[in-house]
Amino acid sequence: MINDLFLRACKREPTERTPVWMMRQAGRYLPEYRAIRAKVDFLTLCKTPELASEVSIQPVDIIGVDACIIFSDILVLPEAMGMKLFVEEGTGGPRFDNPIRSRADIDKLIVPDPNRELKYVMDALRLTRKSLNNRVPLIGFAGSPWTLATYMVEGKGSKNFRAMKELIYSHPKDAHVLLDKLARSVAAFLSAKIEAGAQAVQIFDTWGGILPPDEFREFSLRYIDQVLQLLKRNGAPTIVFCKDCAHSLEAIADIGCDVVGLDWSIDIGKARMMVGSYAALQGNLDPTILYAPPERIREGVKKILEKFGKGSGHIFNLGHGILPDIPVEHAKAFVQAVKEESVKYHT
């Protein structure tokens, strides 16, 4: 039997229970993932389709999630546009040694052909879709134009995003040129992912929340909207996850995504009252509750299910990615709790 609960929930169609998956579910909390990473560096893992496929499927087999998200990184797209990407082992994280500092730097960036410059991602998707054999749906993803731009301009993660904010406030025209180029690149990338086998796509706007509401609409949401307008969906549902952007929940739903992802800072019951009539909701358990004992995790799951209430249109997830030192048994307990407790809300 095909498990299409996730796809049905995305479309707000009836489901027997609430589907569940986790952002960053293919990753460091799994010993099986760490065993592979011990042999290869992070970018090699991203760029080797057989390995990327293997770690993508691990959480399906080990944790029992209802969807598989392809293992990759949002910054492979800026790299394909002409940036030099480095990922330091340990705590260093990703960085660009040639961050954008001028309009000339922006003009040099290309809109890549995903089937050429990012062929390894498409190969990983095809391989994963075939290996899954319809056990669960496959999700492709990309960073939002704004989030990608912050890394490209800052060069790495930042606390106050001085360079990026200086760009939007002092040189807004240049910022818009960069964001437009990124929107076209993201749309082409996600369209190619759907063509290669992704059955849904998610846009991660990790840094949308660093902007005030007006600037969020101008510099982030506007370009997510552009991505959705250009996207060749071919029936694949779209998920938009903007962290720390509860102030713009209705505006996010209004751009026409199928699913609005929620972080843990918003009450899912209130979110359903605001936008649940025209968008499904994904979320939104605090990831740190997975440090707690399984019975406490189950309480947290029950509370969110209760707040969402009866009916379809809910995909259970964490309010952000699973943390790398979460015990595997706790991740399993979380997924099992959703599967068992959600049945009563779908009768």
C-alpha atoms as a PDB file:
ATOM      1  CA  MET A   1       0.000   0.000   0.000  1.00  0.00           C
ATOM      2  CA  ILE A   2       1.322   3.451  -0.937  1.00  0.00           C
ATOM      3  CA  ASN A   3       1.719   5.839   2.006  1.00  0.00           C
ATOM      4  CA  ASP A   4       0.497   9.105   0.477  1.00  0.00           C
ATOM      5  CA  LEU A   5      -0.724  10.631   3.768  1.00  0.00           C
ATOM      6  CA  PHE A   6       1.736  13.516   3.457  1.00  0.00           C
ATOM      7  CA  LEU A   7       0.606  14.472  -0.061  1.00  0.00           C
ATOM      8  CA  ARG A   8      -3.070  14.237   0.875  1.00  0.00           C
ATOM      9  CA  ALA A   9      -2.528  16.401   3.953  1.00  0.00           C
ATOM     10  CA  CYS A  10      -0.699  18.999   1.831  1.00  0.00           C
ATOM     11  CA  LYS A  11      -3.841  19.257  -0.298  1.00  0.00           C
ATOM     12  CA  ARG A  12      -6.138  19.241   2.776  1.00  0.00           C
ATOM     13  CA  GLU A  13      -7.695  15.974   1.647  1.00  0.00           C
ATOM     14  CA  PRO A  14      -8.997  13.470   4.248  1.00  0.00           C
ATOM     15  CA  THR A  15      -6.372  11.309   5.985  1.00  0.00           C
ATOM     16  CA  GLU A  16      -6.630   8.413   8.444  1.00  0.00           C
ATOM     17  CA  ARG A  17      -4.113  10.105  10.755  1.00  0.00           C
ATOM     18  CA  THR A  18      -1.732  13.067  10.749  1.00  0.00           C
ATOM     19  CA  PRO A  19       1.435  12.465   8.692  1.00  0.00           C
ATOM     20  CA  VAL A  20       4.773  13.261  10.340  1.00  0.00           C
ATOM     21  CA  TRP A  21       8.324  14.027   9.209  1.00  0.00           C
ATOM     22  CA  MET A  22      11.159  16.191  10.570  1.00  0.00           C
ATOM     23  CA  MET A  23      13.206  18.960   9.058  1.00  0.00           C
ATOM     24  CA  ARG A  24      16.887  17.896   9.007  1.00  0.00           C
ATOM     25  CA  GLN A  25      15.749  14.311   9.593  1.00  0.00           C
ATOM     26  CA  ALA A  26      18.673  12.972   7.533  1.00  0.00           C
ATOM     27  CA  GLY A  27      21.559  13.984   9.718  1.00  0.00           C
ATOM     28  CA  ARG A  28      23.913  13.919  12.635  1.00  0.00           C
ATOM     29  CA  TYR A  29      21.579  12.481  15.301  1.00  0.00           C
ATOM     30  CA  LEU A  30      21.634   9.135  13.423  1.00  0.00           C
ATOM     31  CA  PRO A  31      24.661   6.841  13.994  1.00  0.00           C
ATOM     32  CA  GLU A  32      24.114   5.440  10.485  1.00  0.00           C
ATOM     33  CA  TYR A  33      24.552   8.941   9.041  1.00  0.00           C
ATOM     34  CA  ARG A  34      27.649   9.606  11.161  1.00  0.00           C
ATOM     35  CA  ALA A  35      29.188   6.340   9.938  1.00  0.00           C
ATOM     36  CA  ILE A  36      28.976   7.583   6.340  1.00  0.00           C
ATOM     37  CA  ARG A  37      30.179  11.080   7.266  1.00  0.00           C
ATOM     38  CA  ALA A  38      33.240   9.554   8.940  1.00  0.00           C
ATOM     39  CA  LYS A  39      34.375   8.485   5.482  1.00  0.00           C
ATOM     40  CA  VAL A  40      33.517  11.593   3.405  1.00  0.00           C
ATOM     41  CA  ASP A  41      33.307  15.352   3.924  1.00  0.00           C
ATOM     42  CA  PHE A  42      29.970  17.150   3.851  1.00  0.00           C
ATOM     43  CA  LEU A  43      30.116  18.496   0.291  1.00  0.00           C
ATOM     44  CA  THR A  44      31.268  15.144  -1.075  1.00  0.00           C
ATOM     45  CA  LEU A  45      28.236  13.582   0.588  1.00  0.00           C
ATOM     46  CA  CYS A  46      25.969  16.202  -1.033  1.00  0.00           C
ATOM     47  CA  LYS A  47      27.572  15.660  -4.457  1.00  0.00           C
ATOM     48  CA  THR A  48      27.642  11.840  -4.477  1.00  0.00           C
ATOM     49  CA  PRO A  49      24.122  10.752  -5.552  1.00  0.00           C
ATOM     50  CA  GLU A  50      24.393   7.218  -4.132  1.00  0.00           C
ATOM     51  CA  LEU A  51      25.439   8.493  -0.685  1.00  0.00           C
ATOM     52  CA  ALA A  52      22.967  11.406  -0.670  1.00  0.00           C
ATOM     53  CA  SER A  53      20.206   8.942  -1.524  1.00  0.00           C
ATOM     54  CA  GLU A  54      21.280   6.507   1.191  1.00  0.00           C
ATOM     55  CA  VAL A  55      21.215   9.124   3.968  1.00  0.00           C
ATOM     56  CA  SER A  56      17.929  10.570   2.653  1.00  0.00           C
ATOM     57  CA  ILE A  57      16.223   7.192   3.078  1.00  0.00           C
ATOM     58  CA  GLN A  58      17.743   6.357   6.489  1.00  0.00           C
ATOM     59  CA  PRO A  59      15.036   8.179   8.537  1.00  0.00           C
ATOM     60  CA  VAL A  60      12.282   6.393   6.578  1.00  0.00           C
ATOM     61  CA  ASP A  61      13.743   3.022   7.519  1.00  0.00           C
ATOM     62  CA  ILE A  62      14.941   3.855  11.037  1.00  0.00           C
ATOM     63  CA  ILE A  63      12.491   6.439  12.405  1.00  0.00           C
ATOM     64  CA  GLY A  64       9.373   5.606  10.379  1.00  0.00           C
ATOM     65  CA  VAL A  65       8.604   9.097   9.013  1.00  0.00           C
ATOM     66  CA  ASP A  66       5.886   9.624   6.390  1.00  0.00           C
ATOM     67  CA  ALA A  67       8.020  11.602   3.912  1.00  0.00           C
ATOM     68  CA  CYS A  68      11.600  11.561   2.662  1.00  0.00           C
ATOM     69  CA  ILE A  69      13.438  14.849   2.053  1.00  0.00           C
ATOM     70  CA  ILE A  70      16.418  14.710  -0.272  1.00  0.00           C
ATOM     71  CA  PHE A  71      19.737  15.224   1.489  1.00  0.00           C
ATOM     72  CA  SER A  72      21.475  18.342   0.218  1.00  0.00           C
ATOM     73  CA  ASP A  73      22.285  21.900   1.294  1.00  0.00           C
ATOM     74  CA  ILE A  74      20.649  25.184   0.337  1.00  0.00           C
ATOM     75  CA  LEU A  75      24.052  26.693  -0.524  1.00  0.00           C
ATOM     76  CA  VAL A  76      24.797  24.391  -3.461  1.00  0.00           C
ATOM     77  CA  LEU A  77      22.676  26.771  -5.554  1.00  0.00           C
ATOM     78  CA  PRO A  78      24.772  29.921  -4.889  1.00  0.00           C
ATOM     79  CA  GLU A  79      27.836  27.773  -5.584  1.00  0.00           C
ATOM     80  CA  ALA A  80      26.364  26.851  -8.984  1.00  0.00           C
ATOM     81  CA  MET A  81      25.740  30.572  -9.600  1.00  0.00           C
ATOM     82  CA  GLY A  82      29.471  31.279  -9.295  1.00  0.00           C
ATOM     83  CA  MET A  83      30.251  31.523  -5.561  1.00  0.00           C
ATOM     84  CA  LYS A  84      33.060  29.490  -3.979  1.00  0.00           C
ATOM     85  CA  LEU A  85      31.553  27.365  -1.194  1.00  0.00           C
ATOM     86  CA  PHE A  86      33.585  25.894   1.667  1.00  0.00           C
ATOM     87  CA  VAL A  87      32.194  23.814   4.503  1.00  0.00           C
ATOM     88  CA  GLU A  88      34.533  23.585   7.485  1.00  0.00           C
ATOM     89  CA  GLU A  89      34.462  20.336   9.417  1.00  0.00           C
ATOM     90  CA  GLY A  90      33.419  20.677  13.043  1.00  0.00           C
ATOM     91  CA  THR A  91      31.776  23.926  14.114  1.00  0.00           C
ATOM     92  CA  GLY A  92      32.993  26.185  11.312  1.00  0.00           C
ATOM     93  CA  GLY A  93      29.955  25.779   9.095  1.00  0.00           C
ATOM     94  CA  PRO A  94      29.573  26.909   5.483  1.00  0.00           C
ATOM     95  CA  ARG A  95      31.247  30.020   4.148  1.00  0.00           C
ATOM     96  CA  PHE A  96      31.851  31.909   0.910  1.00  0.00           C
ATOM     97  CA  ASP A  97      35.363  33.314   0.608  1.00  0.00           C
ATOM     98  CA  ASN A  98      34.220  35.772  -2.065  1.00  0.00           C
ATOM     99  CA  PRO A  99      31.103  37.390  -0.539  1.00  0.00           C
ATOM    100  CA  ILE A 100      29.120  39.857  -2.621  1.00  0.00           C
ATOM    101  CA  ARG A 101      30.320  43.393  -2.048  1.00  0.00           C
ATOM    102  CA  SER A 102      29.247  45.317  -5.159  1.00  0.00           C
ATOM    103  CA  ARG A 103      26.821  45.499  -8.059  1.00  0.00           C
ATOM    104  CA  ALA A 104      29.599  44.089 -10.250  1.00  0.00           C
ATOM    105  CA  ASP A 105      29.681  40.971  -8.028  1.00  0.00           C
ATOM    106  CA  ILE A 106      25.916  40.588  -8.470  1.00  0.00           C
ATOM    107  CA  ASP A 107      26.135  41.013 -12.248  1.00  0.00           C
ATOM    108  CA  LYS A 108      28.763  38.242 -12.466  1.00  0.00           C
ATOM    109  CA  LEU A 109      26.389  35.645 -11.000  1.00  0.00           C
ATOM    110  CA  ILE A 110      24.722  33.301 -13.473  1.00  0.00           C
ATOM    111  CA  VAL A 111      21.269  31.715 -13.439  1.00  0.00           C
ATOM    112  CA  PRO A 112      22.459  28.104 -13.639  1.00  0.00           C
ATOM    113  CA  ASP A 113      21.000  25.257 -15.640  1.00  0.00           C
ATOM    114  CA  PRO A 114      20.064  22.824 -12.835  1.00  0.00           C
ATOM    115  CA  ASN A 115      20.416  19.803 -15.100  1.00  0.00           C
ATOM    116  CA  ARG A 116      24.007  20.761 -15.845  1.00  0.00           C
ATOM    117  CA  GLU A 117      25.550  22.638 -12.902  1.00  0.00           C
ATOM    118  CA  LEU A 118      23.431  20.763 -10.324  1.00  0.00           C
ATOM    119  CA  LYS A 119      23.079  17.436 -12.095  1.00  0.00           C
ATOM    120  CA  TYR A 120      24.258  15.549  -8.988  1.00  0.00           C
ATOM    121  CA  VAL A 121      21.147  16.775  -7.103  1.00  0.00           C
ATOM    122  CA  MET A 122      18.847  15.582  -9.896  1.00  0.00           C
ATOM    123  CA  ASP A 123      20.638  12.226 -10.021  1.00  0.00           C
ATOM    124  CA  ALA A 124      20.195  11.850  -6.249  1.00  0.00           C
ATOM    125  CA  LEU A 125      16.471  12.606  -6.582  1.00  0.00           C
ATOM    126  CA  ARG A 126      15.954  10.065  -9.375  1.00  0.00           C
ATOM    127  CA  LEU A 127      17.864   7.399  -7.463  1.00  0.00           C
ATOM    128  CA  THR A 128      15.999   8.108  -4.223  1.00  0.00           C
ATOM    129  CA  ARG A 129      12.582   8.116  -5.877  1.00  0.00           C
ATOM    130  CA  LYS A 130      13.355   4.744  -7.444  1.00  0.00           C
ATOM    131  CA  SER A 131      14.744   3.270  -4.194  1.00  0.00           C
ATOM    132  CA  LEU A 132      11.740   4.476  -2.162  1.00  0.00           C
ATOM    133  CA  ASN A 133       9.452   2.573  -4.549  1.00  0.00           C
ATOM    134  CA  ASN A 134       6.482   4.741  -3.445  1.00  0.00           C
ATOM    135  CA  ARG A 135       6.862   3.788   0.229  1.00  0.00           C
ATOM    136  CA  VAL A 136       6.632   7.492   1.115  1.00  0.00           C
ATOM    137  CA  PRO A 137       6.651  10.707  -0.971  1.00  0.00           C
ATOM    138  CA  LEU A 138       9.898  12.518  -1.783  1.00  0.00           C
ATOM    139  CA  ILE A 139      10.423  16.217  -0.958  1.00  0.00           C
ATOM    140  CA  GLY A 140      12.832  18.559  -2.732  1.00  0.00           C
ATOM    141  CA  PHE A 141      13.836  21.899  -1.246  1.00  0.00           C
ATOM    142  CA  ALA A 142      15.643  25.194  -1.699  1.00  0.00           C
ATOM    143  CA  GLY A 143      16.506  28.219   0.370  1.00  0.00           C
ATOM    144  CA  SER A 144      14.422  31.328  -0.188  1.00  0.00           C
ATOM    145  CA  PRO A 145      16.026  34.096  -2.267  1.00  0.00           C
ATOM    146  CA  TRP A 146      16.382  36.262   0.857  1.00  0.00           C
ATOM    147  CA  THR A 147      18.000  33.532   2.959  1.00  0.00           C
ATOM    148  CA  LEU A 148      20.425  32.610   0.168  1.00  0.00           C
ATOM    149  CA  ALA A 149      21.283  36.285  -0.330  1.00  0.00           C
ATOM    150  CA  THR A 150      22.143  36.713   3.353  1.00  0.00           C
ATOM    151  CA  TYR A 151      24.779  33.973   3.140  1.00  0.00           C
ATOM    152  CA  MET A 152      26.100  35.277  -0.186  1.00  0.00           C
ATOM    153  CA  VAL A 153      26.499  38.824   1.122  1.00  0.00           C
ATOM    154  CA  GLU A 154      27.635  38.030   4.675  1.00  0.00           C
ATOM    155  CA  GLY A 155      29.901  35.199   3.528  1.00  0.00           C
ATOM    156  CA  LYS A 156      28.740  33.007   6.437  1.00  0.00           C
ATOM    157  CA  GLY A 157      26.228  32.932   9.283  1.00  0.00           C
ATOM    158  CA  SER A 158      25.829  36.210  11.152  1.00  0.00           C
ATOM    159  CA  LYS A 159      24.419  37.658  14.365  1.00  0.00           C
ATOM    160  CA  ASN A 160      23.409  41.123  13.175  1.00  0.00           C
ATOM    161  CA  PHE A 161      23.560  40.706   9.353  1.00  0.00           C
ATOM    162  CA  ARG A 162      25.272  44.056   8.978  1.00  0.00           C
ATOM    163  CA  ALA A 163      26.415  43.625   5.356  1.00  0.00           C
ATOM    164  CA  MET A 164      23.025  42.369   4.132  1.00  0.00           C
ATOM    165  CA  LYS A 165      21.051  45.014   5.974  1.00  0.00           C
ATOM    166  CA  GLU A 166      23.403  47.691   4.740  1.00  0.00           C
ATOM    167  CA  LEU A 167      22.710  46.477   1.206  1.00  0.00           C
ATOM    168  CA  ILE A 168      18.904  46.670   1.515  1.00  0.00           C
ATOM    169  CA  TYR A 169      18.866  49.995   3.345  1.00  0.00           C
ATOM    170  CA  SER A 170      21.673  51.795   1.470  1.00  0.00           C
ATOM    171  CA  HIS A 171      21.492  50.119  -1.968  1.00  0.00           C
ATOM    172  CA  PRO A 172      17.968  48.665  -2.295  1.00  0.00           C
ATOM    173  CA  LYS A 173      18.083  48.606  -6.121  1.00  0.00           C
ATOM    174  CA  ASP A 174      21.149  46.346  -6.046  1.00  0.00           C
ATOM    175  CA  ALA A 175      19.451  44.131  -3.454  1.00  0.00           C
ATOM    176  CA  HIS A 176      16.410  43.755  -5.701  1.00  0.00           C
ATOM    177  CA  VAL A 177      18.603  42.819  -8.688  1.00  0.00           C
ATOM    178  CA  LEU A 178      20.286  40.116  -6.596  1.00  0.00           C
ATOM    179  CA  LEU A 179      16.993  38.803  -5.210  1.00  0.00           C
ATOM    180  CA  ASP A 180      15.359  38.702  -8.646  1.00  0.00           C
ATOM    181  CA  LYS A 181      18.282  36.683 -10.023  1.00  0.00           C
ATOM    182  CA  LEU A 182      18.013  34.339  -7.056  1.00  0.00           C
ATOM    183  CA  ALA A 183      14.238  33.956  -7.472  1.00  0.00           C
ATOM    184  CA  ARG A 184      14.706  32.898 -11.103  1.00  0.00           C
ATOM    185  CA  SER A 185      17.471  30.467 -10.077  1.00  0.00           C
ATOM    186  CA  VAL A 186      15.432  28.954  -7.215  1.00  0.00           C
ATOM    187  CA  ALA A 187      12.372  28.527  -9.456  1.00  0.00           C
ATOM    188  CA  ALA A 188      14.423  26.751 -12.126  1.00  0.00           C
ATOM    189  CA  PHE A 189      16.117  24.584  -9.477  1.00  0.00           C
ATOM    190  CA  LEU A 190      12.844  23.503  -7.848  1.00  0.00           C
ATOM    191  CA  SER A 191      11.148  22.943 -11.222  1.00  0.00           C
ATOM    192  CA  ALA A 192      14.016  20.634 -12.197  1.00  0.00           C
ATOM    193  CA  LYS A 193      13.686  18.811  -8.868  1.00  0.00           C
ATOM    194  CA  ILE A 194      10.008  18.155  -9.538  1.00  0.00           C
ATOM    195  CA  GLU A 195      10.875  16.911 -13.015  1.00  0.00           C
ATOM    196  CA  ALA A 196      13.528  14.619 -11.477  1.00  0.00           C
ATOM    197  CA  GLY A 197      11.047  13.016  -9.077  1.00  0.00           C
ATOM    198  CA  ALA A 198      10.311  15.346  -6.142  1.00  0.00           C
ATOM    199  CA  GLN A 199       6.612  15.009  -5.274  1.00  0.00           C
ATOM    200  CA  ALA A 200       6.532  18.172  -3.143  1.00  0.00           C
ATOM    201  CA  VAL A 201       8.923  21.095  -2.626  1.00  0.00           C
ATOM    202  CA  GLN A 202       9.714  23.218   0.414  1.00  0.00           C
ATOM    203  CA  ILE A 203      11.198  26.718   0.482  1.00  0.00           C
ATOM    204  CA  PHE A 204      13.203  27.445   3.634  1.00  0.00           C
ATOM    205  CA  ASP A 205      13.260  31.113   4.620  1.00  0.00           C
ATOM    206  CA  THR A 206      15.498  30.693   7.635  1.00  0.00           C
ATOM    207  CA  TRP A 207      16.378  34.375   7.957  1.00  0.00           C
ATOM    208  CA  GLY A 208      13.087  36.062   7.001  1.00  0.00           C
ATOM    209  CA  GLY A 209      12.528  36.769  10.691  1.00  0.00           C
ATOM    210  CA  ILE A 210      15.509  39.141  10.958  1.00  0.00           C
ATOM    211  CA  LEU A 211      13.512  41.703   8.947  1.00  0.00           C
ATOM    212  CA  PRO A 212      10.778  44.038  10.227  1.00  0.00           C
ATOM    213  CA  PRO A 213       7.342  43.162   8.747  1.00  0.00           C
ATOM    214  CA  ASP A 214       7.394  45.762   5.934  1.00  0.00           C
ATOM    215  CA  GLU A 215      10.906  44.827   4.841  1.00  0.00           C
ATOM    216  CA  PHE A 216      10.030  41.132   5.116  1.00  0.00           C
ATOM    217  CA  ARG A 217       7.295  41.658   2.531  1.00  0.00           C
ATOM    218  CA  GLU A 218       9.530  43.745   0.263  1.00  0.00           C
ATOM    219  CA  PHE A 219      12.762  41.763   0.346  1.00  0.00           C
ATOM    220  CA  SER A 220      11.721  38.216   1.251  1.00  0.00           C
ATOM    221  CA  LEU A 221       8.076  37.357   0.642  1.00  0.00           C
ATOM    222  CA  ARG A 222       7.926  39.183  -2.687  1.00  0.00           C
ATOM    223  CA  TYR A 223      10.632  36.895  -4.052  1.00  0.00           C
ATOM    224  CA  ILE A 224       9.167  33.699  -2.603  1.00  0.00           C
ATOM    225  CA  ASP A 225       6.002  34.750  -4.433  1.00  0.00           C
ATOM    226  CA  GLN A 226       8.056  35.184  -7.620  1.00  0.00           C
ATOM    227  CA  VAL A 227       9.485  31.666  -7.211  1.00  0.00           C
ATOM    228  CA  LEU A 228       5.977  30.222  -6.888  1.00  0.00           C
ATOM    229  CA  GLN A 229       4.773  32.160  -9.937  1.00  0.00           C
ATOM    230  CA  LEU A 230       7.652  30.803 -12.060  1.00  0.00           C
ATOM    231  CA  LEU A 231       7.584  27.269 -10.655  1.00  0.00           C
ATOM    232  CA  LYS A 232       6.534  24.411 -12.933  1.00  0.00           C
ATOM    233  CA  ARG A 233       4.632  22.539 -10.236  1.00  0.00           C
ATOM    234  CA  ASN A 234       3.239  19.638 -12.262  1.00  0.00           C
ATOM    235  CA  GLY A 235       0.830  18.964  -9.383  1.00  0.00           C
ATOM    236  CA  ALA A 236       3.502  18.964  -6.659  1.00  0.00           C
ATOM    237  CA  PRO A 237       2.423  20.747  -3.445  1.00  0.00           C
ATOM    238  CA  THR A 238       4.504  23.696  -2.252  1.00  0.00           C
ATOM    239  CA  ILE A 239       5.514  24.351   1.374  1.00  0.00           C
ATOM    240  CA  VAL A 240       6.808  27.734   2.559  1.00  0.00           C
ATOM    241  CA  PHE A 241       8.570  27.831   5.927  1.00  0.00           C
ATOM    242  CA  CYS A 242       9.537  31.290   7.183  1.00  0.00           C
ATOM    243  CA  LYS A 243      11.155  31.187  10.625  1.00  0.00           C
ATOM    244  CA  ASP A 244      10.138  33.903  13.124  1.00  0.00           C
ATOM    245  CA  CYS A 245       7.584  35.363  10.705  1.00  0.00           C
ATOM    246  CA  ALA A 246       4.324  34.879  12.604  1.00  0.00           C
ATOM    247  CA  HIS A 247       3.636  38.586  12.013  1.00  0.00           C
ATOM    248  CA  SER A 248       2.988  37.818   8.341  1.00  0.00           C
ATOM    249  CA  LEU A 249       1.172  34.488   8.488  1.00  0.00           C
ATOM    250  CA  GLU A 250      -1.764  35.604   6.354  1.00  0.00           C
ATOM    251  CA  ALA A 251       0.519  37.288   3.822  1.00  0.00           C
ATOM    252  CA  ILE A 252       2.554  34.081   3.497  1.00  0.00           C
ATOM    253  CA  ALA A 253      -0.585  32.005   2.916  1.00  0.00           C
ATOM    254  CA  ASP A 254      -1.858  34.583   0.411  1.00  0.00           C
ATOM    255  CA  ILE A 255       0.993  33.974  -2.056  1.00  0.00           C
ATOM    256  CA  GLY A 256      -0.569  30.658  -2.996  1.00  0.00           C
ATOM    257  CA  CYS A 257       1.577  28.003  -1.345  1.00  0.00           C
ATOM    258  CA  ASP A 258      -0.254  24.804  -0.439  1.00  0.00           C
ATOM    259  CA  VAL A 259       1.303  24.508   3.017  1.00  0.00           C
ATOM    260  CA  VAL A 260       2.525  27.117   5.514  1.00  0.00           C
ATOM    261  CA  GLY A 261       5.289  25.846   7.803  1.00  0.00           C
ATOM    262  CA  LEU A 262       5.151  27.100  11.397  1.00  0.00           C
ATOM    263  CA  ASP A 263       7.947  27.532  13.911  1.00  0.00           C
ATOM    264  CA  TRP A 264       7.170  26.905  17.594  1.00  0.00           C
ATOM    265  CA  SER A 265       6.499  30.576  18.434  1.00  0.00           C
ATOM    266  CA  ILE A 266       2.904  30.564  17.130  1.00  0.00           C
ATOM    267  CA  ASP A 267      -0.155  28.744  18.448  1.00  0.00           C
ATOM    268  CA  ILE A 268      -1.214  26.272  15.738  1.00  0.00           C
ATOM    269  CA  GLY A 269      -4.877  26.654  16.719  1.00  0.00           C
ATOM    270  CA  LYS A 270      -4.723  30.404  16.073  1.00  0.00           C
ATOM    271  CA  ALA A 271      -2.835  29.790  12.831  1.00  0.00           C
ATOM    272  CA  ARG A 272      -5.577  27.407  11.687  1.00  0.00           C
ATOM    273  CA  MET A 273      -8.246  30.014  12.434  1.00  0.00           C
ATOM    274  CA  MET A 274      -6.296  32.590  10.407  1.00  0.00           C
ATOM    275  CA  VAL A 275      -5.280  30.627   7.297  1.00  0.00           C
ATOM    276  CA  GLY A 276      -6.452  27.006   7.691  1.00  0.00           C
ATOM    277  CA  SER A 277      -9.379  27.492   5.324  1.00  0.00           C
ATOM    278  CA  TYR A 278      -7.053  27.936   2.344  1.00  0.00           C
ATOM    279  CA  ALA A 279      -3.653  26.474   3.340  1.00  0.00           C
ATOM    280  CA  ALA A 280      -2.493  23.354   5.144  1.00  0.00           C
ATOM    281  CA  LEU A 281      -0.221  23.833   8.160  1.00  0.00           C
ATOM    282  CA  GLN A 282       3.053  22.101   8.976  1.00  0.00           C
ATOM    283  CA  GLY A 283       4.573  22.028  12.439  1.00  0.00           C
ATOM    284  CA  ASN A 284       5.240  22.955  15.114  1.00  0.00           C
ATOM    285  CA  LEU A 285       6.690  21.118  18.128  1.00  0.00           C
ATOM    286  CA  ASP A 286       9.619  22.830  19.868  1.00  0.00           C
ATOM    287  CA  PRO A 287      12.639  20.735  18.750  1.00  0.00           C
ATOM    288  CA  THR A 288      14.185  20.866  22.230  1.00  0.00           C
ATOM    289  CA  ILE A 289      11.291  18.881  23.744  1.00  0.00           C
ATOM    290  CA  LEU A 290      12.927  15.842  22.119  1.00  0.00           C
ATOM    291  CA  TYR A 291      15.546  16.004  24.896  1.00  0.00           C
ATOM    292  CA  ALA A 292      12.753  15.170  27.364  1.00  0.00           C
ATOM    293  CA  PRO A 293      11.558  11.637  28.244  1.00  0.00           C
ATOM    294  CA  PRO A 294       9.187   9.948  25.741  1.00  0.00           C
ATOM    295  CA  GLU A 295       6.126  10.488  27.961  1.00  0.00           C
ATOM    296  CA  ARG A 296       6.780  14.252  27.983  1.00  0.00           C
ATOM    297  CA  ILE A 297       7.272  14.224  24.196  1.00  0.00           C
ATOM    298  CA  ARG A 298       3.897  12.507  23.858  1.00  0.00           C
ATOM    299  CA  GLU A 299       2.265  15.221  25.992  1.00  0.00           C
ATOM    300  CA  GLY A 300       3.696  17.880  23.672  1.00  0.00           C
ATOM    301  CA  VAL A 301       2.392  16.016  20.628  1.00  0.00           C
ATOM    302  CA  LYS A 302      -1.079  15.668  22.164  1.00  0.00           C
ATOM    303  CA  LYS A 303      -1.237  19.378  22.967  1.00  0.00           C
ATOM    304  CA  ILE A 304      -0.508  20.406  19.364  1.00  0.00           C
ATOM    305  CA  LEU A 305      -2.961  17.850  17.945  1.00  0.00           C
ATOM    306  CA  GLU A 306      -5.600  19.145  20.337  1.00  0.00           C
ATOM    307  CA  LYS A 307      -4.954  22.769  19.364  1.00  0.00           C
ATOM    308  CA  PHE A 308      -5.171  21.994  15.644  1.00  0.00           C
ATOM    309  CA  GLY A 309      -8.329  20.004  16.246  1.00  0.00           C
ATOM    310  CA  LYS A 310     -10.237  17.576  14.062  1.00  0.00           C
ATOM    311  CA  GLY A 311      -9.918  17.332  10.320  1.00  0.00           C
ATOM    312  CA  SER A 312      -7.262  17.299   7.650  1.00  0.00           C
ATOM    313  CA  GLY A 313      -4.674  19.833   6.552  1.00  0.00           C
ATOM    314  CA  HIS A 314      -2.013  19.249   9.222  1.00  0.00           C
ATOM    315  CA  ILE A 315       1.454  17.790   8.656  1.00  0.00           C
ATOM    316  CA  PHE A 316       3.184  17.205  11.984  1.00  0.00           C
ATOM    317  CA  ASN A 317       6.760  18.460  12.142  1.00  0.00           C
ATOM    318  CA  LEU A 318       9.144  20.195  14.484  1.00  0.00           C
ATOM    319  CA  GLY A 319       9.187  23.987  14.578  1.00  0.00           C
ATOM    320  CA  HIS A 320      12.716  23.851  13.116  1.00  0.00           C
ATOM    321  CA  GLY A 321      15.269  21.139  12.334  1.00  0.00           C
ATOM    322  CA  ILE A 322      15.982  18.212  14.662  1.00  0.00           C
ATOM    323  CA  LEU A 323      19.063  18.945  16.777  1.00  0.00           C
ATOM    324  CA  PRO A 324      22.193  16.804  16.261  1.00  0.00           C
ATOM    325  CA  ASP A 325      22.421  15.444  19.804  1.00  0.00           C
ATOM    326  CA  ILE A 326      18.803  14.248  20.140  1.00  0.00           C
ATOM    327  CA  PRO A 327      18.642  10.555  21.188  1.00  0.00           C
ATOM    328  CA  VAL A 328      17.416   8.376  18.319  1.00  0.00           C
ATOM    329  CA  GLU A 329      14.910   6.670  20.621  1.00  0.00           C
ATOM    330  CA  HIS A 330      13.339  10.040  21.384  1.00  0.00           C
ATOM    331  CA  ALA A 331      12.942  10.801  17.672  1.00  0.00           C
ATOM    332  CA  LYS A 332      11.250   7.428  17.257  1.00  0.00           C
ATOM    333  CA  ALA A 333       9.028   8.128  20.266  1.00  0.00           C
ATOM    334  CA  PHE A 334       7.977  11.446  18.734  1.00  0.00           C
ATOM    335  CA  VAL A 335       6.984   9.870  15.412  1.00  0.00           C
ATOM    336  CA  GLN A 336       5.199   6.994  17.133  1.00  0.00           C
ATOM    337  CA  ALA A 337       3.284   9.386  19.387  1.00  0.00           C
ATOM    338  CA  VAL A 338       1.994  11.339  16.364  1.00  0.00           C
ATOM    339  CA  LYS A 339       0.933   8.141  14.615  1.00  0.00           C
ATOM    340  CA  GLU A 340      -0.931   6.823  17.649  1.00  0.00           C
ATOM    341  CA  GLU A 341      -2.427  10.002  19.091  1.00  0.00           C
ATOM    342  CA  SER A 342      -3.576  11.586  15.818  1.00  0.00           C
ATOM    343  CA  VAL A 343      -5.981   8.802  14.791  1.00  0.00           C
ATOM    344  CA  LYS A 344      -8.773  10.152  17.048  1.00  0.00           C
ATOM    345  CA  TYR A 345      -8.707  13.495  15.198  1.00  0.00           C
ATOM    346  CA  HIS A 346      -9.437  11.861  11.831  1.00  0.00           C
ATOM    347  CA  THR A 347     -12.578   9.806  12.549  1.00  0.00           C
END
